Amino acid sequence: DPEQWRRLMAEEKQRGITYVVLAGAEPSLVPELLGVC
């Protein structure tokens, strides 16, 4: 769900996270979520 990921990333940014490492299994299979992050 893109909205749940959007909320998580907003919370992470508020928490002071400035860099994300997106992995998986295979992250290219969820392209919309990559854009949200």
PDB file of all heavy atoms in Angstrom:
ATOM      1  N   ASP A   1       0.842  -1.186   0.000  1.00  0.00           N
ATOM      2  CA  ASP A   1       0.000   0.000   0.000  1.00  0.00           C
ATOM      3  C   ASP A   1       0.883   1.244   0.000  1.00  0.00           C
ATOM      4  O   ASP A   1       1.592   1.503   0.989  1.00  0.00           O
ATOM      5  CB  ASP A   1      -0.891  -0.017   1.241  1.00  0.00           C
ATOM      6  CG  ASP A   1      -1.744   1.236   1.363  1.00  0.00           C
ATOM      7  OD1 ASP A   1      -1.864   1.986   0.372  1.00  0.00           O
ATOM      8  OD2 ASP A   1      -2.267   1.489   2.464  1.00  0.00           O
ATOM      9  N   PRO A   2       0.883   2.049  -1.056  1.00  0.00           N
ATOM     10  CA  PRO A   2       1.755   3.221  -1.124  1.00  0.00           C
ATOM     11  C   PRO A   2       1.555   4.190   0.034  1.00  0.00           C
ATOM     12  O   PRO A   2       2.515   4.807   0.505  1.00  0.00           O
ATOM     13  CB  PRO A   2       1.389   3.864  -2.462  1.00  0.00           C
ATOM     14  CG  PRO A   2       0.811   2.762  -3.275  1.00  0.00           C
ATOM     15  CD  PRO A   2       0.106   1.880  -2.301  1.00  0.00           C
ATOM     16  N   GLU A   3       0.325   4.332   0.501  1.00  0.00           N
ATOM     17  CA  GLU A   3       0.069   5.284   1.575  1.00  0.00           C
ATOM     18  C   GLU A   3       0.739   4.858   2.868  1.00  0.00           C
ATOM     19  O   GLU A   3       1.266   5.693   3.621  1.00  0.00           O
ATOM     20  CB  GLU A   3      -1.437   5.450   1.790  1.00  0.00           C
ATOM     21  CG  GLU A   3      -1.798   6.531   2.793  1.00  0.00           C
ATOM     22  CD  GLU A   3      -1.180   7.884   2.463  1.00  0.00           C
ATOM     23  OE1 GLU A   3      -1.116   8.244   1.270  1.00  0.00           O
ATOM     24  OE2 GLU A   3      -0.760   8.589   3.408  1.00  0.00           O
ATOM     25  N   GLN A   4       0.752   3.561   3.160  1.00  0.00           N
ATOM     26  CA  GLN A   4       1.440   3.089   4.369  1.00  0.00           C
ATOM     27  C   GLN A   4       2.941   3.325   4.265  1.00  0.00           C
ATOM     28  O   GLN A   4       3.593   3.708   5.239  1.00  0.00           O
ATOM     29  CB  GLN A   4       1.130   1.606   4.596  1.00  0.00           C
ATOM     30  CG  GLN A   4      -0.305   1.322   4.980  1.00  0.00           C
ATOM     31  CD  GLN A   4      -0.507  -0.109   5.443  1.00  0.00           C
ATOM     32  OE1 GLN A   4       0.160  -0.575   6.364  1.00  0.00           O
ATOM     33  NE2 GLN A   4      -1.444  -0.816   4.803  1.00  0.00           N
ATOM     34  N   TRP A   5       3.509   3.120   3.078  1.00  0.00           N
ATOM     35  CA  TRP A   5       4.924   3.389   2.882  1.00  0.00           C
ATOM     36  C   TRP A   5       5.218   4.886   2.954  1.00  0.00           C
ATOM     37  O   TRP A   5       6.252   5.302   3.490  1.00  0.00           O
ATOM     38  CB  TRP A   5       5.384   2.805   1.540  1.00  0.00           C
ATOM     39  CG  TRP A   5       5.694   1.353   1.634  1.00  0.00           C
ATOM     40  CD1 TRP A   5       4.861   0.303   1.382  1.00  0.00           C
ATOM     41  CD2 TRP A   5       6.935   0.780   2.054  1.00  0.00           C
ATOM     42  NE1 TRP A   5       5.489  -0.887   1.604  1.00  0.00           N
ATOM     43  CE2 TRP A   5       6.775  -0.639   2.011  1.00  0.00           C
ATOM     44  CE3 TRP A   5       8.168   1.296   2.439  1.00  0.00           C
ATOM     45  CZ2 TRP A   5       7.796  -1.516   2.356  1.00  0.00           C
ATOM     46  CZ3 TRP A   5       9.192   0.423   2.780  1.00  0.00           C
ATOM     47  CH2 TRP A   5       9.008  -0.958   2.738  1.00  0.00           C
ATOM     48  N   ARG A   6       4.303   5.686   2.451  1.00  0.00           N
ATOM     49  CA  ARG A   6       4.495   7.143   2.520  1.00  0.00           C
ATOM     50  C   ARG A   6       4.520   7.603   3.979  1.00  0.00           C
ATOM     51  O   ARG A   6       5.355   8.431   4.372  1.00  0.00           O
ATOM     52  CB  ARG A   6       3.388   7.844   1.739  1.00  0.00           C
ATOM     53  CG  ARG A   6       3.598   9.358   1.591  1.00  0.00           C
ATOM     54  CD  ARG A   6       2.528   9.977   0.716  1.00  0.00           C
ATOM     55  NE  ARG A   6       2.657   9.528  -0.676  1.00  0.00           N
ATOM     56  CZ  ARG A   6       1.848   8.692  -1.287  1.00  0.00           C
ATOM     57  NH1 ARG A   6       0.823   8.172  -0.612  1.00  0.00           N
ATOM     58  NH2 ARG A   6       2.030   8.334  -2.542  1.00  0.00           N
ATOM     59  N   ARG A   7       3.635   7.061   4.776  1.00  0.00           N
ATOM     60  CA  ARG A   7       3.619   7.426   6.193  1.00  0.00           C
ATOM     61  C   ARG A   7       4.894   6.974   6.891  1.00  0.00           C
ATOM     62  O   ARG A   7       5.462   7.707   7.713  1.00  0.00           O
ATOM     63  CB  ARG A   7       2.385   6.825   6.883  1.00  0.00           C
ATOM     64  CG  ARG A   7       1.075   7.509   6.530  1.00  0.00           C
ATOM     65  CD  ARG A   7      -0.009   7.171   7.567  1.00  0.00           C
ATOM     66  NE  ARG A   7      -0.280   5.737   7.618  1.00  0.00           N
ATOM     67  CZ  ARG A   7      -1.220   5.137   6.888  1.00  0.00           C
ATOM     68  NH1 ARG A   7      -1.964   5.862   6.041  1.00  0.00           N
ATOM     69  NH2 ARG A   7      -1.422   3.846   7.006  1.00  0.00           N
ATOM     70  N   LEU A   8       5.343   5.758   6.562  1.00  0.00           N
ATOM     71  CA  LEU A   8       6.569   5.266   7.182  1.00  0.00           C
ATOM     72  C   LEU A   8       7.746   6.165   6.838  1.00  0.00           C
ATOM     73  O   LEU A   8       8.540   6.536   7.717  1.00  0.00           O
ATOM     74  CB  LEU A   8       6.850   3.833   6.717  1.00  0.00           C
ATOM     75  CG  LEU A   8       8.204   3.266   7.179  1.00  0.00           C
ATOM     76  CD1 LEU A   8       8.268   3.153   8.700  1.00  0.00           C
ATOM     77  CD2 LEU A   8       8.483   1.912   6.518  1.00  0.00           C
ATOM     78  N   MET A   9       7.893   6.525   5.571  1.00  0.00           N
ATOM     79  CA  MET A   9       9.020   7.359   5.171  1.00  0.00           C
ATOM     80  C   MET A   9       8.949   8.744   5.826  1.00  0.00           C
ATOM     81  O   MET A   9       9.976   9.311   6.219  1.00  0.00           O
ATOM     82  CB  MET A   9       9.065   7.499   3.648  1.00  0.00           C
ATOM     83  CG  MET A   9       9.489   6.234   2.915  1.00  0.00           C
ATOM     84  SD  MET A   9      11.219   5.794   3.246  1.00  0.00           S
ATOM     85  CE  MET A   9      10.979   4.191   4.044  1.00  0.00           C
ATOM     86  N   ALA A  10       7.753   9.287   5.958  1.00  0.00           N
ATOM     87  CA  ALA A  10       7.600  10.581   6.637  1.00  0.00           C
ATOM     88  C   ALA A  10       8.021  10.460   8.095  1.00  0.00           C
ATOM     89  O   ALA A  10       8.687  11.359   8.646  1.00  0.00           O
ATOM     90  CB  ALA A  10       6.158  11.072   6.522  1.00  0.00           C
ATOM     91  N   GLU A  11       7.654   9.357   8.736  1.00  0.00           N
ATOM     92  CA  GLU A  11       8.047   9.131  10.129  1.00  0.00           C
ATOM     93  C   GLU A  11       9.557   8.937  10.249  1.00  0.00           C
ATOM     94  O   GLU A  11      10.188   9.423  11.201  1.00  0.00           O
ATOM     95  CB  GLU A  11       7.308   7.914  10.681  1.00  0.00           C
ATOM     96  CG  GLU A  11       5.807   8.133  10.836  1.00  0.00           C
ATOM     97  CD  GLU A  11       5.061   6.840  11.096  1.00  0.00           C
ATOM     98  OE1 GLU A  11       5.716   5.761  11.123  1.00  0.00           O
ATOM     99  OE2 GLU A  11       3.819   6.889  11.259  1.00  0.00           O
ATOM    100  N   GLU A  12      10.135   8.239   9.292  1.00  0.00           N
ATOM    101  CA  GLU A  12      11.580   8.026   9.311  1.00  0.00           C
ATOM    102  C   GLU A  12      12.327   9.350   9.131  1.00  0.00           C
ATOM    103  O   GLU A  12      13.336   9.604   9.804  1.00  0.00           O
ATOM    104  CB  GLU A  12      11.976   7.051   8.202  1.00  0.00           C
ATOM    105  CG  GLU A  12      11.538   5.625   8.445  1.00  0.00           C
ATOM    106  CD  GLU A  12      12.292   4.993   9.605  1.00  0.00           C
ATOM    107  OE1 GLU A  12      13.396   4.457   9.403  1.00  0.00           O
ATOM    108  OE2 GLU A  12      11.766   5.060  10.736  1.00  0.00           O
ATOM    109  N   LYS A  13      11.849  10.175   8.236  1.00  0.00           N
ATOM    110  CA  LYS A  13      12.460  11.489   8.032  1.00  0.00           C
ATOM    111  C   LYS A  13      12.383  12.316   9.310  1.00  0.00           C
ATOM    112  O   LYS A  13      13.362  12.973   9.707  1.00  0.00           O
ATOM    113  CB  LYS A  13      11.749  12.197   6.884  1.00  0.00           C
ATOM    114  CG  LYS A  13      12.391  13.506   6.459  1.00  0.00           C
ATOM    115  CD  LYS A  13      11.669  14.065   5.241  1.00  0.00           C
ATOM    116  CE  LYS A  13      12.305  15.358   4.760  1.00  0.00           C
ATOM    117  NZ  LYS A  13      11.599  15.884   3.549  1.00  0.00           N
ATOM    118  N   GLN A  14      11.237  12.247   9.976  1.00  0.00           N
ATOM    119  CA  GLN A  14      11.075  12.961  11.240  1.00  0.00           C
ATOM    120  C   GLN A  14      12.007  12.404  12.308  1.00  0.00           C
ATOM    121  O   GLN A  14      12.510  13.145  13.170  1.00  0.00           O
ATOM    122  CB  GLN A  14       9.617  12.854  11.704  1.00  0.00           C
ATOM    123  CG  GLN A  14       9.293  13.648  12.953  1.00  0.00           C
ATOM    124  CD  GLN A  14       9.382  15.147  12.755  1.00  0.00           C
ATOM    125  OE1 GLN A  14       9.165  15.636  11.638  1.00  0.00           O
ATOM    126  NE2 GLN A  14       9.714  15.882  13.806  1.00  0.00           N
ATOM    127  N   ARG A  15      12.280  11.111  12.226  1.00  0.00           N
ATOM    128  CA  ARG A  15      13.155  10.452  13.197  1.00  0.00           C
ATOM    129  C   ARG A  15      14.632  10.788  12.963  1.00  0.00           C
ATOM    130  O   ARG A  15      15.494  10.466  13.793  1.00  0.00           O
ATOM    131  CB  ARG A  15      12.929   8.935  13.109  1.00  0.00           C
ATOM    132  CG  ARG A  15      13.452   8.127  14.270  1.00  0.00           C
ATOM    133  CD  ARG A  15      12.931   6.700  14.217  1.00  0.00           C
ATOM    134  NE  ARG A  15      13.365   5.973  13.043  1.00  0.00           N
ATOM    135  CZ  ARG A  15      14.536   5.334  12.926  1.00  0.00           C
ATOM    136  NH1 ARG A  15      15.403   5.365  13.926  1.00  0.00           N
ATOM    137  NH2 ARG A  15      14.838   4.685  11.817  1.00  0.00           N
ATOM    138  N   GLY A  16      14.934  11.430  11.851  1.00  0.00           N
ATOM    139  CA  GLY A  16      16.305  11.833  11.561  1.00  0.00           C
ATOM    140  C   GLY A  16      17.006  10.987  10.530  1.00  0.00           C
ATOM    141  O   GLY A  16      18.203  11.173  10.285  1.00  0.00           O
ATOM    142  N   ILE A  17      16.290  10.055   9.880  1.00  0.00           N
ATOM    143  CA  ILE A  17      16.895   9.234   8.841  1.00  0.00           C
ATOM    144  C   ILE A  17      17.041  10.072   7.580  1.00  0.00           C
ATOM    145  O   ILE A  17      16.080  10.671   7.097  1.00  0.00           O
ATOM    146  CB  ILE A  17      16.039   7.982   8.569  1.00  0.00           C
ATOM    147  CG1 ILE A  17      15.980   7.106   9.826  1.00  0.00           C
ATOM    148  CG2 ILE A  17      16.608   7.192   7.389  1.00  0.00           C
ATOM    149  CD1 ILE A  17      17.338   6.677  10.364  1.00  0.00           C
ATOM    150  N   THR A  18      18.246  10.103   7.041  1.00  0.00           N
ATOM    151  CA  THR A  18      18.531  10.908   5.841  1.00  0.00           C
ATOM    152  C   THR A  18      18.922  10.052   4.640  1.00  0.00           C
ATOM    153  O   THR A  18      19.102  10.588   3.546  1.00  0.00           O
ATOM    154  CB  THR A  18      19.673  11.893   6.127  1.00  0.00           C
ATOM    155  OG1 THR A  18      20.839  11.152   6.538  1.00  0.00           O
ATOM    156  CG2 THR A  18      19.287  12.883   7.227  1.00  0.00           C
ATOM    157  N   TYR A  19      19.045   8.733   4.850  1.00  0.00           N
ATOM    158  CA  TYR A  19      19.500   7.857   3.765  1.00  0.00           C
ATOM    159  C   TYR A  19      18.802   6.514   3.913  1.00  0.00           C
ATOM    160  O   TYR A  19      18.790   5.922   5.008  1.00  0.00           O
ATOM    161  CB  TYR A  19      21.017   7.673   3.828  1.00  0.00           C
ATOM    162  CG  TYR A  19      21.599   6.971   2.622  1.00  0.00           C
ATOM    163  CD1 TYR A  19      22.164   7.699   1.582  1.00  0.00           C
ATOM    164  CD2 TYR A  19      21.572   5.582   2.508  1.00  0.00           C
ATOM    165  CE1 TYR A  19      22.701   7.068   0.466  1.00  0.00           C
ATOM    166  CE2 TYR A  19      22.088   4.940   1.394  1.00  0.00           C
ATOM    167  CZ  TYR A  19      22.656   5.684   0.386  1.00  0.00           C
ATOM    168  OH  TYR A  19      23.170   5.055  -0.725  1.00  0.00           O
ATOM    169  N   VAL A  20      18.234   6.011   2.798  1.00  0.00           N
ATOM    170  CA  VAL A  20      17.520   4.738   2.845  1.00  0.00           C
ATOM    171  C   VAL A  20      18.182   3.730   1.923  1.00  0.00           C
ATOM    172  O   VAL A  20      18.656   4.070   0.842  1.00  0.00           O
ATOM    173  CB  VAL A  20      16.034   4.907   2.451  1.00  0.00           C
ATOM    174  CG1 VAL A  20      15.316   5.808   3.446  1.00  0.00           C
ATOM    175  CG2 VAL A  20      15.873   5.452   1.035  1.00  0.00           C
ATOM    176  N   VAL A  21      18.229   2.491   2.366  1.00  0.00           N
ATOM    177  CA  VAL A  21      18.697   1.378   1.552  1.00  0.00           C
ATOM    178  C   VAL A  21      17.494   0.473   1.301  1.00  0.00           C
ATOM    179  O   VAL A  21      16.950  -0.121   2.226  1.00  0.00           O
ATOM    180  CB  VAL A  21      19.825   0.591   2.241  1.00  0.00           C
ATOM    181  CG1 VAL A  21      20.275  -0.576   1.364  1.00  0.00           C
ATOM    182  CG2 VAL A  21      21.003   1.505   2.556  1.00  0.00           C
ATOM    183  N   LEU A  22      17.069   0.399   0.050  1.00  0.00           N
ATOM    184  CA  LEU A  22      15.881  -0.358  -0.318  1.00  0.00           C
ATOM    185  C   LEU A  22      16.309  -1.697  -0.906  1.00  0.00           C
ATOM    186  O   LEU A  22      17.041  -1.746  -1.893  1.00  0.00           O
ATOM    187  CB  LEU A  22      15.044   0.427  -1.332  1.00  0.00           C
ATOM    188  CG  LEU A  22      14.718   1.879  -0.955  1.00  0.00           C
ATOM    189  CD1 LEU A  22      13.810   2.503  -2.016  1.00  0.00           C
ATOM    190  CD2 LEU A  22      14.102   1.980   0.423  1.00  0.00           C
ATOM    191  N   ALA A  23      15.833  -2.755  -0.282  1.00  0.00           N
ATOM    192  CA  ALA A  23      16.243  -4.087  -0.713  1.00  0.00           C
ATOM    193  C   ALA A  23      15.014  -4.973  -0.792  1.00  0.00           C
ATOM    194  O   ALA A  23      13.917  -4.520  -1.066  1.00  0.00           O
ATOM    195  CB  ALA A  23      17.299  -4.639   0.244  1.00  0.00           C
ATOM    196  N   GLY A  24      15.181  -6.243  -0.550  1.00  0.00           N
ATOM    197  CA  GLY A  24      14.038  -7.147  -0.611  1.00  0.00           C
ATOM    198  C   GLY A  24      14.464  -8.511  -0.126  1.00  0.00           C
ATOM    199  O   GLY A  24      15.304  -8.582   0.748  1.00  0.00           O
ATOM    200  N   ALA A  25      13.901  -9.327  -0.767  1.00  0.00           N
ATOM    201  CA  ALA A  25      13.907  -9.905  -2.070  1.00  0.00           C
ATOM    202  C   ALA A  25      14.227  -8.872  -3.163  1.00  0.00           C
ATOM    203  O   ALA A  25      15.295  -8.302  -3.142  1.00  0.00           O
ATOM    204  CB  ALA A  25      12.652 -10.704  -2.311  1.00  0.00           C
ATOM    205  N   GLU A  26      13.339  -8.621  -4.144  1.00  0.00           N
ATOM    206  CA  GLU A  26      13.695  -7.813  -5.308  1.00  0.00           C
ATOM    207  C   GLU A  26      12.846  -6.539  -5.397  1.00  0.00           C
ATOM    208  O   GLU A  26      11.662  -6.591  -5.765  1.00  0.00           O
ATOM    209  CB  GLU A  26      13.530  -8.638  -6.592  1.00  0.00           C
ATOM    210  CG  GLU A  26      13.798  -7.887  -7.867  1.00  0.00           C
ATOM    211  CD  GLU A  26      15.086  -7.069  -7.834  1.00  0.00           C
ATOM    212  OE1 GLU A  26      16.136  -7.631  -7.436  1.00  0.00           O
ATOM    213  OE2 GLU A  26      15.042  -5.881  -8.201  1.00  0.00           O
ATOM    214  N   PRO A  27      13.426  -5.393  -5.063  1.00  0.00           N
ATOM    215  CA  PRO A  27      12.648  -4.143  -5.001  1.00  0.00           C
ATOM    216  C   PRO A  27      12.127  -3.644  -6.342  1.00  0.00           C
ATOM    217  O   PRO A  27      11.145  -2.897  -6.366  1.00  0.00           O
ATOM    218  CB  PRO A  27      13.637  -3.150  -4.380  1.00  0.00           C
ATOM    219  CG  PRO A  27      14.981  -3.726  -4.626  1.00  0.00           C
ATOM    220  CD  PRO A  27      14.810  -5.209  -4.606  1.00  0.00           C
ATOM    221  N   SER A  28      12.748  -4.017  -7.449  1.00  0.00           N
ATOM    222  CA  SER A  28      12.254  -3.532  -8.738  1.00  0.00           C
ATOM    223  C   SER A  28      10.866  -4.064  -9.064  1.00  0.00           C
ATOM    224  O   SER A  28      10.198  -3.556  -9.981  1.00  0.00           O
ATOM    225  CB  SER A  28      13.232  -3.922  -9.856  1.00  0.00           C
ATOM    226  OG  SER A  28      13.273  -5.329 -10.029  1.00  0.00           O
ATOM    227  N   LEU A  29      10.393  -5.060  -8.322  1.00  0.00           N
ATOM    228  CA  LEU A  29       9.060  -5.614  -8.549  1.00  0.00           C
ATOM    229  C   LEU A  29       7.955  -4.733  -7.961  1.00  0.00           C
ATOM    230  O   LEU A  29       6.767  -4.988  -8.206  1.00  0.00           O
ATOM    231  CB  LEU A  29       8.971  -7.026  -7.954  1.00  0.00           C
ATOM    232  CG  LEU A  29       9.842  -8.089  -8.633  1.00  0.00           C
ATOM    233  CD1 LEU A  29       9.825  -9.386  -7.835  1.00  0.00           C
ATOM    234  CD2 LEU A  29       9.376  -8.334 -10.062  1.00  0.00           C
ATOM    235  N   VAL A  30       8.333  -3.716  -7.169  1.00  0.00           N
ATOM    236  CA  VAL A  30       7.336  -2.806  -6.594  1.00  0.00           C
ATOM    237  C   VAL A  30       7.728  -1.367  -6.940  1.00  0.00           C
ATOM    238  O   VAL A  30       8.057  -0.562  -6.071  1.00  0.00           O
ATOM    239  CB  VAL A  30       7.197  -3.001  -5.073  1.00  0.00           C
ATOM    240  CG1 VAL A  30       6.438  -4.282  -4.764  1.00  0.00           C
ATOM    241  CG2 VAL A  30       8.559  -3.035  -4.387  1.00  0.00           C
ATOM    242  N   PRO A  31       7.694  -1.002  -8.225  1.00  0.00           N
ATOM    243  CA  PRO A  31       8.196   0.297  -8.661  1.00  0.00           C
ATOM    244  C   PRO A  31       7.481   1.488  -8.026  1.00  0.00           C
ATOM    245  O   PRO A  31       8.100   2.529  -7.775  1.00  0.00           O
ATOM    246  CB  PRO A  31       8.007   0.268 -10.179  1.00  0.00           C
ATOM    247  CG  PRO A  31       6.965  -0.770 -10.428  1.00  0.00           C
ATOM    248  CD  PRO A  31       7.182  -1.803  -9.367  1.00  0.00           C
ATOM    249  N   GLU A  32       6.194   1.365  -7.777  1.00  0.00           N
ATOM    250  CA  GLU A  32       5.470   2.496  -7.187  1.00  0.00           C
ATOM    251  C   GLU A  32       5.996   2.813  -5.793  1.00  0.00           C
ATOM    252  O   GLU A  32       6.124   3.990  -5.414  1.00  0.00           O
ATOM    253  CB  GLU A  32       3.974   2.194  -7.127  1.00  0.00           C
ATOM    254  CG  GLU A  32       3.153   3.381  -6.622  1.00  0.00           C
ATOM    255  CD  GLU A  32       1.661   3.111  -6.634  1.00  0.00           C
ATOM    256  OE1 GLU A  32       1.268   1.968  -6.949  1.00  0.00           O
ATOM    257  OE2 GLU A  32       0.895   4.047  -6.330  1.00  0.00           O
ATOM    258  N   LEU A  33       6.340   1.783  -5.040  1.00  0.00           N
ATOM    259  CA  LEU A  33       6.855   2.004  -3.684  1.00  0.00           C
ATOM    260  C   LEU A  33       8.224   2.675  -3.712  1.00  0.00           C
ATOM    261  O   LEU A  33       8.547   3.489  -2.843  1.00  0.00           O
ATOM    262  CB  LEU A  33       6.934   0.676  -2.931  1.00  0.00           C
ATOM    263  CG  LEU A  33       5.626  -0.090  -2.754  1.00  0.00           C
ATOM    264  CD1 LEU A  33       5.848  -1.316  -1.882  1.00  0.00           C
ATOM    265  CD2 LEU A  33       4.532   0.803  -2.182  1.00  0.00           C
ATOM    266  N   LEU A  34       9.039   2.363  -4.718  1.00  0.00           N
ATOM    267  CA  LEU A  34      10.341   3.015  -4.843  1.00  0.00           C
ATOM    268  C   LEU A  34      10.155   4.516  -5.050  1.00  0.00           C
ATOM    269  O   LEU A  34      10.882   5.331  -4.464  1.00  0.00           O
ATOM    270  CB  LEU A  34      11.124   2.415  -6.009  1.00  0.00           C
ATOM    271  CG  LEU A  34      11.382   0.906  -5.972  1.00  0.00           C
ATOM    272  CD1 LEU A  34      12.234   0.500  -7.175  1.00  0.00           C
ATOM    273  CD2 LEU A  34      12.034   0.477  -4.678  1.00  0.00           C
ATOM    274  N   GLY A  35       9.184   4.877  -5.879  1.00  0.00           N
ATOM    275  CA  GLY A  35       8.903   6.284  -6.104  1.00  0.00           C
ATOM    276  C   GLY A  35       8.422   6.984  -4.851  1.00  0.00           C
ATOM    277  O   GLY A  35       8.792   8.139  -4.580  1.00  0.00           O
ATOM    278  N   VAL A  36       7.610   6.307  -4.064  1.00  0.00           N
ATOM    279  CA  VAL A  36       7.128   6.878  -2.798  1.00  0.00           C
ATOM    280  C   VAL A  36       8.293   7.178  -1.873  1.00  0.00           C
ATOM    281  O   VAL A  36       8.384   8.259  -1.278  1.00  0.00           O
ATOM    282  CB  VAL A  36       6.132   5.910  -2.127  1.00  0.00           C
ATOM    283  CG1 VAL A  36       5.866   6.332  -0.677  1.00  0.00           C
ATOM    284  CG2 VAL A  36       4.824   5.858  -2.915  1.00  0.00           C
ATOM    285  N   CYS A  37       9.212   6.239  -1.743  1.00  0.00           N
ATOM    286  CA  CYS A  37      10.372   6.432  -0.865  1.00  0.00           C
ATOM    287  C   CYS A  37      11.236   7.587  -1.354  1.00  0.00           C
ATOM    288  O   CYS A  37      11.676   8.435  -0.560  1.00  0.00           O
ATOM    289  CB  CYS A  37      11.187   5.151  -0.793  1.00  0.00           C
ATOM    290  SG  CYS A  37      10.327   3.763  -0.014  1.00  0.00           S
TER     291      CYS A  37
END
